[in-house]
Amino acid sequence: MKHCCDNFALYCSFDKRAAPNIRIIKCDEVIKFRPLMLLGKLIKVAKETLQMQTPSPYRFFITMGYTGAFTPTMPALNICFCPFCGVNLFDYYTNNQADELVHEFQASDGKCYPKQ
């Protein structure tokens, strides 16, 4: 499995302490948090995104760098579309096909753990 575009791959390859970077988190099936968008290309797209329900276990975040484990409460932008090529990330990264690209896993206890 490869990334949707070269720019997305580049930002995913940055260390978590670098700013900005993109993190891919795989959530436990039971406690997936819904994707939220703070900014959208169009109001219509933002509304559709907020209403989107996806079975995908992957969540995509743009962060300004952090240390320790990722937490859903830290400042981060949860994205649904690639900021570079516009592809729907939930359609592109399907169940269990992007596990080698994941940075951290969210366990059933709600905490995120780095990829081993």
PDB file of N, CA and C in Angstrom:
ATOM      1  N   MET A   1       0.853  -1.189   0.000  1.00  0.00           N
ATOM      2  CA  MET A   1       0.000   0.000   0.000  1.00  0.00           C
ATOM      3  C   MET A   1       0.886   1.236   0.000  1.00  0.00           C
ATOM      4  N   LYS A   2       0.550   2.179  -0.812  1.00  0.00           N
ATOM      5  CA  LYS A   2       1.295   3.425  -0.823  1.00  0.00           C
ATOM      6  C   LYS A   2       0.340   4.576  -0.533  1.00  0.00           C
ATOM      7  N   HIS A   3       0.920   5.724  -0.283  1.00  0.00           N
ATOM      8  CA  HIS A   3       0.119   6.910   0.018  1.00  0.00           C
ATOM      9  C   HIS A   3      -0.587   7.416  -1.236  1.00  0.00           C
ATOM     10  N   CYS A   4      -1.594   8.233  -1.034  1.00  0.00           N
ATOM     11  CA  CYS A   4      -2.390   8.742  -2.145  1.00  0.00           C
ATOM     12  C   CYS A   4      -1.599   9.683  -3.053  1.00  0.00           C
ATOM     13  N   CYS A   5      -0.620  10.413  -2.503  1.00  0.00           N
ATOM     14  CA  CYS A   5       0.209  11.305  -3.319  1.00  0.00           C
ATOM     15  C   CYS A   5       1.561  11.505  -2.626  1.00  0.00           C
ATOM     16  N   ASP A   6       2.517  12.025  -3.361  1.00  0.00           N
ATOM     17  CA  ASP A   6       3.871  12.200  -2.830  1.00  0.00           C
ATOM     18  C   ASP A   6       3.925  13.192  -1.670  1.00  0.00           C
ATOM     19  N   ASN A   7       3.138  14.265  -1.733  1.00  0.00           N
ATOM     20  CA  ASN A   7       3.153  15.253  -0.646  1.00  0.00           C
ATOM     21  C   ASN A   7       2.585  14.661   0.639  1.00  0.00           C
ATOM     22  N   PHE A   8       1.517  13.867   0.517  1.00  0.00           N
ATOM     23  CA  PHE A   8       0.945  13.218   1.703  1.00  0.00           C
ATOM     24  C   PHE A   8       1.971  12.270   2.307  1.00  0.00           C
ATOM     25  N   ALA A   9       2.672  11.525   1.464  1.00  0.00           N
ATOM     26  CA  ALA A   9       3.714  10.607   1.929  1.00  0.00           C
ATOM     27  C   ALA A   9       4.828  11.368   2.640  1.00  0.00           C
ATOM     28  N   LEU A  10       5.210  12.520   2.098  1.00  0.00           N
ATOM     29  CA  LEU A  10       6.270  13.325   2.710  1.00  0.00           C
ATOM     30  C   LEU A  10       5.874  13.781   4.114  1.00  0.00           C
ATOM     31  N   TYR A  11       4.679  14.332   4.261  1.00  0.00           N
ATOM     32  CA  TYR A  11       4.248  14.826   5.576  1.00  0.00           C
ATOM     33  C   TYR A  11       4.004  13.687   6.566  1.00  0.00           C
ATOM     34  N   CYS A  12       3.643  12.511   6.063  1.00  0.00           N
ATOM     35  CA  CYS A  12       3.500  11.335   6.938  1.00  0.00           C
ATOM     36  C   CYS A  12       4.854  10.815   7.403  1.00  0.00           C
ATOM     37  N   SER A  13       5.890  11.076   6.627  1.00  0.00           N
ATOM     38  CA  SER A  13       7.217  10.561   6.969  1.00  0.00           C
ATOM     39  C   SER A  13       7.928  11.415   8.023  1.00  0.00           C
ATOM     40  N   PHE A  14       7.452  12.634   8.266  1.00  0.00           N
ATOM     41  CA  PHE A  14       8.081  13.496   9.264  1.00  0.00           C
ATOM     42  C   PHE A  14       7.942  12.902  10.660  1.00  0.00           C
ATOM     43  N   ASP A  15       8.932  13.169  11.499  1.00  0.00           N
ATOM     44  CA  ASP A  15       8.875  12.762  12.897  1.00  0.00           C
ATOM     45  C   ASP A  15       7.703  13.453  13.587  1.00  0.00           C
ATOM     46  N   LYS A  16       7.134  12.800  14.607  1.00  0.00           N
ATOM     47  CA  LYS A  16       5.974  13.380  15.297  1.00  0.00           C
ATOM     48  C   LYS A  16       6.298  14.694  16.002  1.00  0.00           C
ATOM     49  N   ARG A  17       7.571  14.975  16.227  1.00  0.00           N
ATOM     50  CA  ARG A  17       7.942  16.241  16.861  1.00  0.00           C
ATOM     51  C   ARG A  17       8.072  17.376  15.856  1.00  0.00           C
ATOM     52  N   ALA A  18       8.099  17.050  14.563  1.00  0.00           N
ATOM     53  CA  ALA A  18       8.217  18.068  13.517  1.00  0.00           C
ATOM     54  C   ALA A  18       6.868  18.744  13.294  1.00  0.00           C
ATOM     55  N   ALA A  19       6.912  19.981  12.852  1.00  0.00           N
ATOM     56  CA  ALA A  19       5.670  20.701  12.605  1.00  0.00           C
ATOM     57  C   ALA A  19       5.692  21.279  11.203  1.00  0.00           C
ATOM     58  N   PRO A  20       4.643  21.168  10.454  1.00  0.00           N
ATOM     59  CA  PRO A  20       3.491  20.287  10.680  1.00  0.00           C
ATOM     60  C   PRO A  20       3.802  18.870  10.204  1.00  0.00           C
ATOM     61  N   ASN A  21       3.004  17.935  10.650  1.00  0.00           N
ATOM     62  CA  ASN A  21       3.131  16.551  10.198  1.00  0.00           C
ATOM     63  C   ASN A  21       1.744  15.928  10.114  1.00  0.00           C
ATOM     64  N   ILE A  22       1.667  14.790   9.439  1.00  0.00           N
ATOM     65  CA  ILE A  22       0.405  14.061   9.331  1.00  0.00           C
ATOM     66  C   ILE A  22       0.579  12.729  10.041  1.00  0.00           C
ATOM     67  N   ARG A  23      -0.377  12.402  10.894  1.00  0.00           N
ATOM     68  CA  ARG A  23      -0.372  11.147  11.637  1.00  0.00           C
ATOM     69  C   ARG A  23      -1.555  10.298  11.195  1.00  0.00           C
ATOM     70  N   ILE A  24      -1.319   9.013  11.039  1.00  0.00           N
ATOM     71  CA  ILE A  24      -2.393   8.054  10.761  1.00  0.00           C
ATOM     72  C   ILE A  24      -2.544   7.191  12.011  1.00  0.00           C
ATOM     73  N   ILE A  25      -3.731   7.231  12.588  1.00  0.00           N
ATOM     74  CA  ILE A  25      -4.023   6.498  13.810  1.00  0.00           C
ATOM     75  C   ILE A  25      -5.059   5.429  13.484  1.00  0.00           C
ATOM     76  N   LYS A  26      -4.804   4.197  13.915  1.00  0.00           N
ATOM     77  CA  LYS A  26      -5.803   3.144  13.742  1.00  0.00           C
ATOM     78  C   LYS A  26      -6.533   2.977  15.062  1.00  0.00           C
ATOM     79  N   CYS A  27      -7.844   3.146  15.001  1.00  0.00           N
ATOM     80  CA  CYS A  27      -8.672   3.110  16.207  1.00  0.00           C
ATOM     81  C   CYS A  27      -9.216   1.719  16.448  1.00  0.00           C
ATOM     82  N   ASP A  28      -9.448   1.426  17.725  1.00  0.00           N
ATOM     83  CA  ASP A  28     -10.132   0.199  18.101  1.00  0.00           C
ATOM     84  C   ASP A  28     -11.545   0.268  17.534  1.00  0.00           C
ATOM     85  N   GLU A  29     -12.056  -0.835  17.070  1.00  0.00           N
ATOM     86  CA  GLU A  29     -13.377  -0.865  16.444  1.00  0.00           C
ATOM     87  C   GLU A  29     -14.474  -0.322  17.356  1.00  0.00           C
ATOM     88  N   VAL A  30     -14.329  -0.510  18.656  1.00  0.00           N
ATOM     89  CA  VAL A  30     -15.387  -0.127  19.591  1.00  0.00           C
ATOM     90  C   VAL A  30     -15.434   1.375  19.836  1.00  0.00           C
ATOM     91  N   ILE A  31     -14.286   2.035  19.836  1.00  0.00           N
ATOM     92  CA  ILE A  31     -14.264   3.433  20.273  1.00  0.00           C
ATOM     93  C   ILE A  31     -13.764   4.389  19.198  1.00  0.00           C
ATOM     94  N   LYS A  32     -14.101   4.136  17.963  1.00  0.00           N
ATOM     95  CA  LYS A  32     -13.706   5.050  16.888  1.00  0.00           C
ATOM     96  C   LYS A  32     -14.353   6.407  17.134  1.00  0.00           C
ATOM     97  N   PHE A  33     -13.560   7.479  17.082  1.00  0.00           N
ATOM     98  CA  PHE A  33     -14.172   8.796  17.186  1.00  0.00           C
ATOM     99  C   PHE A  33     -14.540   9.266  15.790  1.00  0.00           C
ATOM    100  N   ARG A  34     -15.619  10.015  15.714  1.00  0.00           N
ATOM    101  CA  ARG A  34     -16.130  10.480  14.433  1.00  0.00           C
ATOM    102  C   ARG A  34     -15.208  11.508  13.835  1.00  0.00           C
ATOM    103  N   PRO A  35     -15.045  11.505  12.527  1.00  0.00           N
ATOM    104  CA  PRO A  35     -14.208  12.520  11.905  1.00  0.00           C
ATOM    105  C   PRO A  35     -14.866  13.890  11.992  1.00  0.00           C
ATOM    106  N   LEU A  36     -14.114  14.872  12.386  1.00  0.00           N
ATOM    107  CA  LEU A  36     -14.598  16.245  12.423  1.00  0.00           C
ATOM    108  C   LEU A  36     -13.664  17.102  11.577  1.00  0.00           C
ATOM    109  N   MET A  37     -14.194  18.050  10.911  1.00  0.00           N
ATOM    110  CA  MET A  37     -13.370  18.974  10.130  1.00  0.00           C
ATOM    111  C   MET A  37     -13.560  20.369  10.681  1.00  0.00           C
ATOM    112  N   LEU A  38     -12.479  21.058  10.934  1.00  0.00           N
ATOM    113  CA  LEU A  38     -12.570  22.439  11.372  1.00  0.00           C
ATOM    114  C   LEU A  38     -12.684  23.373  10.177  1.00  0.00           C
ATOM    115  N   LEU A  39     -12.043  23.013   9.083  1.00  0.00           N
ATOM    116  CA  LEU A  39     -12.104  23.821   7.871  1.00  0.00           C
ATOM    117  C   LEU A  39     -12.408  22.909   6.702  1.00  0.00           C
ATOM    118  N   GLY A  40     -13.185  23.379   5.776  1.00  0.00           N
ATOM    119  CA  GLY A  40     -13.489  22.586   4.589  1.00  0.00           C
ATOM    120  C   GLY A  40     -13.313  23.413   3.342  1.00  0.00           C
ATOM    121  N   LYS A  41     -13.222  22.754   2.216  1.00  0.00           N
ATOM    122  CA  LYS A  41     -13.086  23.486   0.958  1.00  0.00           C
ATOM    123  C   LYS A  41     -14.328  24.321   0.699  1.00  0.00           C
ATOM    124  N   LEU A  42     -15.471  23.743   0.978  1.00  0.00           N
ATOM    125  CA  LEU A  42     -16.748  24.430   0.815  1.00  0.00           C
ATOM    126  C   LEU A  42     -17.625  24.091   2.012  1.00  0.00           C
ATOM    127  N   ILE A  43     -18.584  24.960   2.305  1.00  0.00           N
ATOM    128  CA  ILE A  43     -19.479  24.699   3.426  1.00  0.00           C
ATOM    129  C   ILE A  43     -20.218  23.388   3.210  1.00  0.00           C
ATOM    130  N   LYS A  44     -20.631  23.103   1.971  1.00  0.00           N
ATOM    131  CA  LYS A  44     -21.338  21.868   1.673  1.00  0.00           C
ATOM    132  C   LYS A  44     -20.472  20.653   1.990  1.00  0.00           C
ATOM    133  N   VAL A  45     -19.218  20.706   1.597  1.00  0.00           N
ATOM    134  CA  VAL A  45     -18.303  19.596   1.864  1.00  0.00           C
ATOM    135  C   VAL A  45     -18.133  19.414   3.363  1.00  0.00           C
ATOM    136  N   ALA A  46     -18.004  20.518   4.101  1.00  0.00           N
ATOM    137  CA  ALA A  46     -17.839  20.438   5.556  1.00  0.00           C
ATOM    138  C   ALA A  46     -19.069  19.808   6.199  1.00  0.00           C
ATOM    139  N   LYS A  47     -20.247  20.197   5.765  1.00  0.00           N
ATOM    140  CA  LYS A  47     -21.473  19.628   6.336  1.00  0.00           C
ATOM    141  C   LYS A  47     -21.572  18.133   6.040  1.00  0.00           C
ATOM    142  N   GLU A  48     -21.264  17.748   4.806  1.00  0.00           N
ATOM    143  CA  GLU A  48     -21.306  16.327   4.450  1.00  0.00           C
ATOM    144  C   GLU A  48     -20.282  15.543   5.255  1.00  0.00           C
ATOM    145  N   THR A  49     -19.124  16.141   5.484  1.00  0.00           N
ATOM    146  CA  THR A  49     -18.066  15.466   6.225  1.00  0.00           C
ATOM    147  C   THR A  49     -18.463  15.266   7.677  1.00  0.00           C
ATOM    148  N   LEU A  50     -19.085  16.267   8.277  1.00  0.00           N
ATOM    149  CA  LEU A  50     -19.512  16.144   9.671  1.00  0.00           C
ATOM    150  C   LEU A  50     -20.574  15.068   9.832  1.00  0.00           C
ATOM    151  N   GLN A  51     -21.362  14.827   8.795  1.00  0.00           N
ATOM    152  CA  GLN A  51     -22.405  13.817   8.863  1.00  0.00           C
ATOM    153  C   GLN A  51     -21.908  12.448   8.434  1.00  0.00           C
ATOM    154  N   MET A  52     -20.668  12.385   7.940  1.00  0.00           N
ATOM    155  CA  MET A  52     -20.129  11.136   7.427  1.00  0.00           C
ATOM    156  C   MET A  52     -19.956  10.111   8.546  1.00  0.00           C
ATOM    157  N   GLN A  53     -20.423   8.929   8.288  1.00  0.00           N
ATOM    158  CA  GLN A  53     -20.165   7.821   9.197  1.00  0.00           C
ATOM    159  C   GLN A  53     -19.389   6.796   8.395  1.00  0.00           C
ATOM    160  N   THR A  54     -18.235   6.433   8.882  1.00  0.00           N
ATOM    161  CA  THR A  54     -17.374   5.546   8.126  1.00  0.00           C
ATOM    162  C   THR A  54     -17.009   4.323   8.952  1.00  0.00           C
ATOM    163  N   PRO A  55     -16.964   3.160   8.322  1.00  0.00           N
ATOM    164  CA  PRO A  55     -16.521   1.967   9.026  1.00  0.00           C
ATOM    165  C   PRO A  55     -15.001   1.871   9.108  1.00  0.00           C
ATOM    166  N   SER A  56     -14.302   2.794   8.482  1.00  0.00           N
ATOM    167  CA  SER A  56     -12.841   2.744   8.463  1.00  0.00           C
ATOM    168  C   SER A  56     -12.264   2.913   9.867  1.00  0.00           C
ATOM    169  N   PRO A  57     -11.285   2.090  10.241  1.00  0.00           N
ATOM    170  CA  PRO A  57     -10.657   2.243  11.555  1.00  0.00           C
ATOM    171  C   PRO A  57      -9.569   3.313  11.573  1.00  0.00           C
ATOM    172  N   TYR A  58      -9.268   3.909  10.424  1.00  0.00           N
ATOM    173  CA  TYR A  58      -8.177   4.880  10.348  1.00  0.00           C
ATOM    174  C   TYR A  58      -8.684   6.302  10.536  1.00  0.00           C
ATOM    175  N   ARG A  59      -7.891   7.099  11.257  1.00  0.00           N
ATOM    176  CA  ARG A  59      -8.157   8.521  11.419  1.00  0.00           C
ATOM    177  C   ARG A  59      -6.886   9.262  11.045  1.00  0.00           C
ATOM    178  N   PHE A  60      -7.039  10.439  10.455  1.00  0.00           N
ATOM    179  CA  PHE A  60      -5.932  11.195   9.883  1.00  0.00           C
ATOM    180  C   PHE A  60      -5.888  12.572  10.536  1.00  0.00           C
ATOM    181  N   PHE A  61      -4.712  12.955  11.026  1.00  0.00           N
ATOM    182  CA  PHE A  61      -4.561  14.205  11.764  1.00  0.00           C
ATOM    183  C   PHE A  61      -3.368  14.992  11.243  1.00  0.00           C
ATOM    184  N   ILE A  62      -3.535  16.305  11.167  1.00  0.00           N
ATOM    185  CA  ILE A  62      -2.403  17.201  10.966  1.00  0.00           C
ATOM    186  C   ILE A  62      -2.084  17.763  12.341  1.00  0.00           C
ATOM    187  N   THR A  63      -0.849  17.571  12.796  1.00  0.00           N
ATOM    188  CA  THR A  63      -0.450  18.090  14.114  1.00  0.00           C
ATOM    189  C   THR A  63       0.691  19.073  13.944  1.00  0.00           C
ATOM    190  N   MET A  64       0.915  19.846  14.976  1.00  0.00           N
ATOM    191  CA  MET A  64       2.026  20.796  14.984  1.00  0.00           C
ATOM    192  C   MET A  64       3.188  20.239  15.793  1.00  0.00           C
ATOM    193  N   GLY A  65       3.271  18.937  15.866  1.00  0.00           N
ATOM    194  CA  GLY A  65       4.345  18.272  16.591  1.00  0.00           C
ATOM    195  C   GLY A  65       3.941  18.005  18.026  1.00  0.00           C
ATOM    196  N   TYR A  66       4.397  16.875  18.545  1.00  0.00           N
ATOM    197  CA  TYR A  66       4.099  16.518  19.934  1.00  0.00           C
ATOM    198  C   TYR A  66       5.111  15.493  20.405  1.00  0.00           C
ATOM    199  N   THR A  67       5.190  15.348  21.709  1.00  0.00           N
ATOM    200  CA  THR A  67       6.025  14.306  22.306  1.00  0.00           C
ATOM    201  C   THR A  67       5.113  13.369  23.079  1.00  0.00           C
ATOM    202  N   GLY A  68       5.569  12.174  23.325  1.00  0.00           N
ATOM    203  CA  GLY A  68       4.734  11.195  24.022  1.00  0.00           C
ATOM    204  C   GLY A  68       3.737  10.580  23.057  1.00  0.00           C
ATOM    205  N   ALA A  69       2.643  10.082  23.589  1.00  0.00           N
ATOM    206  CA  ALA A  69       1.621   9.422  22.781  1.00  0.00           C
ATOM    207  C   ALA A  69       0.586  10.424  22.292  1.00  0.00           C
ATOM    208  N   PHE A  70      -0.006  10.131  21.161  1.00  0.00           N
ATOM    209  CA  PHE A  70      -1.074  10.958  20.617  1.00  0.00           C
ATOM    210  C   PHE A  70      -2.320  10.799  21.480  1.00  0.00           C
ATOM    211  N   THR A  71      -3.021  11.889  21.717  1.00  0.00           N
ATOM    212  CA  THR A  71      -4.311  11.833  22.408  1.00  0.00           C
ATOM    213  C   THR A  71      -5.324  12.635  21.594  1.00  0.00           C
ATOM    214  N   PRO A  72      -6.582  12.219  21.566  1.00  0.00           N
ATOM    215  CA  PRO A  72      -7.591  12.956  20.803  1.00  0.00           C
ATOM    216  C   PRO A  72      -7.837  14.367  21.318  1.00  0.00           C
ATOM    217  N   THR A  73      -7.375  14.694  22.519  1.00  0.00           N
ATOM    218  CA  THR A  73      -7.596  16.033  23.075  1.00  0.00           C
ATOM    219  C   THR A  73      -6.481  17.015  22.740  1.00  0.00           C
ATOM    220  N   MET A  74      -5.391  16.546  22.145  1.00  0.00           N
ATOM    221  CA  MET A  74      -4.304  17.467  21.811  1.00  0.00           C
ATOM    222  C   MET A  74      -4.671  18.293  20.574  1.00  0.00           C
ATOM    223  N   PRO A  75      -4.055  19.460  20.426  1.00  0.00           N
ATOM    224  CA  PRO A  75      -4.352  20.291  19.255  1.00  0.00           C
ATOM    225  C   PRO A  75      -3.959  19.576  17.966  1.00  0.00           C
ATOM    226  N   ALA A  76      -4.946  19.254  17.183  1.00  0.00           N
ATOM    227  CA  ALA A  76      -4.716  18.566  15.909  1.00  0.00           C
ATOM    228  C   ALA A  76      -5.942  18.785  15.031  1.00  0.00           C
ATOM    229  N   LEU A  77      -5.725  18.760  13.746  1.00  0.00           N
ATOM    230  CA  LEU A  77      -6.801  18.909  12.782  1.00  0.00           C
ATOM    231  C   LEU A  77      -7.119  17.534  12.223  1.00  0.00           C
ATOM    232  N   ASN A  78      -8.326  17.046  12.481  1.00  0.00           N
ATOM    233  CA  ASN A  78      -8.768  15.751  11.983  1.00  0.00           C
ATOM    234  C   ASN A  78      -9.220  15.967  10.540  1.00  0.00           C
ATOM    235  N   ILE A  79      -8.576  15.294   9.589  1.00  0.00           N
ATOM    236  CA  ILE A  79      -8.886  15.524   8.183  1.00  0.00           C
ATOM    237  C   ILE A  79      -9.550  14.301   7.569  1.00  0.00           C
ATOM    238  N   CYS A  80     -10.384  14.549   6.564  1.00  0.00           N
ATOM    239  CA  CYS A  80     -11.079  13.486   5.846  1.00  0.00           C
ATOM    240  C   CYS A  80     -10.621  13.404   4.396  1.00  0.00           C
ATOM    241  N   PHE A  81     -10.052  14.484   3.899  1.00  0.00           N
ATOM    242  CA  PHE A  81      -9.588  14.548   2.523  1.00  0.00           C
ATOM    243  C   PHE A  81      -8.119  14.929   2.515  1.00  0.00           C
ATOM    244  N   CYS A  82      -7.376  14.410   1.552  1.00  0.00           N
ATOM    245  CA  CYS A  82      -5.971  14.768   1.431  1.00  0.00           C
ATOM    246  C   CYS A  82      -5.874  16.261   1.130  1.00  0.00           C
ATOM    247  N   PRO A  83      -5.073  17.009   1.897  1.00  0.00           N
ATOM    248  CA  PRO A  83      -4.958  18.442   1.649  1.00  0.00           C
ATOM    249  C   PRO A  83      -4.200  18.774   0.362  1.00  0.00           C
ATOM    250  N   PHE A  84      -3.592  17.786  -0.258  1.00  0.00           N
ATOM    251  CA  PHE A  84      -2.788  18.022  -1.453  1.00  0.00           C
ATOM    252  C   PHE A  84      -3.486  17.586  -2.745  1.00  0.00           C
ATOM    253  N   CYS A  85      -4.043  16.372  -2.750  1.00  0.00           N
ATOM    254  CA  CYS A  85      -4.670  15.880  -3.984  1.00  0.00           C
ATOM    255  C   CYS A  85      -6.198  15.804  -3.882  1.00  0.00           C
ATOM    256  N   GLY A  86      -6.754  15.939  -2.678  1.00  0.00           N
ATOM    257  CA  GLY A  86      -8.198  15.987  -2.494  1.00  0.00           C
ATOM    258  C   GLY A  86      -8.904  14.649  -2.409  1.00  0.00           C
ATOM    259  N   VAL A  87      -8.167  13.550  -2.420  1.00  0.00           N
ATOM    260  CA  VAL A  87      -8.800  12.238  -2.362  1.00  0.00           C
ATOM    261  C   VAL A  87      -9.457  12.031  -0.995  1.00  0.00           C
ATOM    262  N   ASN A  88     -10.594  11.319  -0.981  1.00  0.00           N
ATOM    263  CA  ASN A  88     -11.251  10.967   0.274  1.00  0.00           C
ATOM    264  C   ASN A  88     -10.385   9.908   0.955  1.00  0.00           C
ATOM    265  N   LEU A  89      -9.816  10.243   2.096  1.00  0.00           N
ATOM    266  CA  LEU A  89      -8.879   9.350   2.772  1.00  0.00           C
ATOM    267  C   LEU A  89      -9.546   8.070   3.260  1.00  0.00           C
ATOM    268  N   PHE A  90     -10.823   8.134   3.630  1.00  0.00           N
ATOM    269  CA  PHE A  90     -11.519   6.948   4.110  1.00  0.00           C
ATOM    270  C   PHE A  90     -11.790   5.960   2.982  1.00  0.00           C
ATOM    271  N   ASP A  91     -11.933   6.463   1.770  1.00  0.00           N
ATOM    272  CA  ASP A  91     -12.120   5.569   0.618  1.00  0.00           C
ATOM    273  C   ASP A  91     -10.785   4.992   0.153  1.00  0.00           C
ATOM    274  N   TYR A  92      -9.731   5.798   0.244  1.00  0.00           N
ATOM    275  CA  TYR A  92      -8.417   5.364  -0.247  1.00  0.00           C
ATOM    276  C   TYR A  92      -7.759   4.353   0.696  1.00  0.00           C
ATOM    277  N   TYR A  93      -7.796   4.646   1.991  1.00  0.00           N
ATOM    278  CA  TYR A  93      -7.190   3.757   2.989  1.00  0.00           C
ATOM    279  C   TYR A  93      -8.289   2.890   3.576  1.00  0.00           C
ATOM    280  N   THR A  94      -8.458   1.702   3.039  1.00  0.00           N
ATOM    281  CA  THR A  94      -9.546   0.836   3.470  1.00  0.00           C
ATOM    282  C   THR A  94      -9.084  -0.102   4.576  1.00  0.00           C
ATOM    283  N   ASN A  95     -10.029  -0.798   5.158  1.00  0.00           N
ATOM    284  CA  ASN A  95      -9.772  -1.666   6.320  1.00  0.00           C
ATOM    285  C   ASN A  95      -8.582  -2.594   6.132  1.00  0.00           C
ATOM    286  N   ASN A  96      -7.668  -2.521   7.075  1.00  0.00           N
ATOM    287  CA  ASN A  96      -6.512  -3.409   7.217  1.00  0.00           C
ATOM    288  C   ASN A  96      -5.540  -3.386   6.041  1.00  0.00           C
ATOM    289  N   GLN A  97      -5.735  -2.513   5.073  1.00  0.00           N
ATOM    290  CA  GLN A  97      -4.802  -2.432   3.960  1.00  0.00           C
ATOM    291  C   GLN A  97      -3.705  -1.401   4.204  1.00  0.00           C
ATOM    292  N   ALA A  98      -3.895  -0.526   5.159  1.00  0.00           N
ATOM    293  CA  ALA A  98      -2.923   0.529   5.397  1.00  0.00           C
ATOM    294  C   ALA A  98      -2.214   0.361   6.741  1.00  0.00           C
ATOM    295  N   ASP A  99      -2.247  -0.833   7.305  1.00  0.00           N
ATOM    296  CA  ASP A  99      -1.636  -1.043   8.616  1.00  0.00           C
ATOM    297  C   ASP A  99      -0.147  -0.713   8.639  1.00  0.00           C
ATOM    298  N   GLU A 100       0.561  -0.930   7.535  1.00  0.00           N
ATOM    299  CA  GLU A 100       1.994  -0.622   7.521  1.00  0.00           C
ATOM    300  C   GLU A 100       2.266   0.891   7.499  1.00  0.00           C
ATOM    301  N   LEU A 101       1.244   1.696   7.205  1.00  0.00           N
ATOM    302  CA  LEU A 101       1.398   3.151   7.179  1.00  0.00           C
ATOM    303  C   LEU A 101       0.998   3.815   8.492  1.00  0.00           C
ATOM    304  N   VAL A 102       0.393   3.054   9.389  1.00  0.00           N
ATOM    305  CA  VAL A 102      -0.117   3.591  10.656  1.00  0.00           C
ATOM    306  C   VAL A 102       1.038   4.014  11.561  1.00  0.00           C
ATOM    307  N   HIS A 103       0.871   5.173  12.221  1.00  0.00           N
ATOM    308  CA  HIS A 103       1.881   5.661  13.171  1.00  0.00           C
ATOM    309  C   HIS A 103       1.610   5.170  14.584  1.00  0.00           C
ATOM    310  N   GLU A 104       0.339   5.182  14.979  1.00  0.00           N
ATOM    311  CA  GLU A 104      -0.040   4.764  16.327  1.00  0.00           C
ATOM    312  C   GLU A 104      -1.356   4.007  16.268  1.00  0.00           C
ATOM    313  N   PHE A 105      -1.569   3.166  17.273  1.00  0.00           N
ATOM    314  CA  PHE A 105      -2.791   2.393  17.386  1.00  0.00           C
ATOM    315  C   PHE A 105      -3.532   2.830  18.640  1.00  0.00           C
ATOM    316  N   GLN A 106      -4.846   2.990  18.528  1.00  0.00           N
ATOM    317  CA  GLN A 106      -5.660   3.300  19.704  1.00  0.00           C
ATOM    318  C   GLN A 106      -6.229   1.989  20.218  1.00  0.00           C
ATOM    319  N   ALA A 107      -5.894   1.651  21.438  1.00  0.00           N
ATOM    320  CA  ALA A 107      -6.325   0.383  22.040  1.00  0.00           C
ATOM    321  C   ALA A 107      -7.709   0.524  22.663  1.00  0.00           C
ATOM    322  N   SER A 108      -8.236  -0.584  23.152  1.00  0.00           N
ATOM    323  CA  SER A 108      -9.572  -0.575  23.752  1.00  0.00           C
ATOM    324  C   SER A 108      -9.637   0.253  25.033  1.00  0.00           C
ATOM    325  N   ASP A 109      -8.466   0.545  25.637  1.00  0.00           N
ATOM    326  CA  ASP A 109      -8.465   1.398  26.821  1.00  0.00           C
ATOM    327  C   ASP A 109      -8.523   2.889  26.478  1.00  0.00           C
ATOM    328  N   GLY A 110      -8.562   3.224  25.173  1.00  0.00           N
ATOM    329  CA  GLY A 110      -8.682   4.608  24.740  1.00  0.00           C
ATOM    330  C   GLY A 110      -7.351   5.313  24.544  1.00  0.00           C
ATOM    331  N   LYS A 111      -6.248   4.692  24.932  1.00  0.00           N
ATOM    332  CA  LYS A 111      -4.921   5.304  24.795  1.00  0.00           C
ATOM    333  C   LYS A 111      -4.298   4.896  23.462  1.00  0.00           C
ATOM    334  N   CYS A 112      -3.450   5.778  22.947  1.00  0.00           N
ATOM    335  CA  CYS A 112      -2.741   5.490  21.702  1.00  0.00           C
ATOM    336  C   CYS A 112      -1.338   4.980  22.017  1.00  0.00           C
ATOM    337  N   TYR A 113      -0.922   3.975  21.273  1.00  0.00           N
ATOM    338  CA  TYR A 113       0.397   3.378  21.465  1.00  0.00           C
ATOM    339  C   TYR A 113       1.150   3.408  20.147  1.00  0.00           C
ATOM    340  N   PRO A 114       2.444   3.696  20.173  1.00  0.00           N
ATOM    341  CA  PRO A 114       3.234   3.753  18.943  1.00  0.00           C
ATOM    342  C   PRO A 114       3.274   2.396  18.247  1.00  0.00           C
ATOM    343  N   LYS A 115       3.442   2.476  16.941  1.00  0.00           N
ATOM    344  CA  LYS A 115       3.586   1.254  16.151  1.00  0.00           C
ATOM    345  C   LYS A 115       4.856   0.536  16.602  1.00  0.00           C
ATOM    346  N   GLN A 116       4.775  -0.746  16.819  1.00  0.00           N
ATOM    347  CA  GLN A 116       5.928  -1.521  17.292  1.00  0.00           C
ATOM    348  C   GLN A 116       6.753  -2.002  16.137  1.00  0.00           C
TER     349      GLN A 116
END
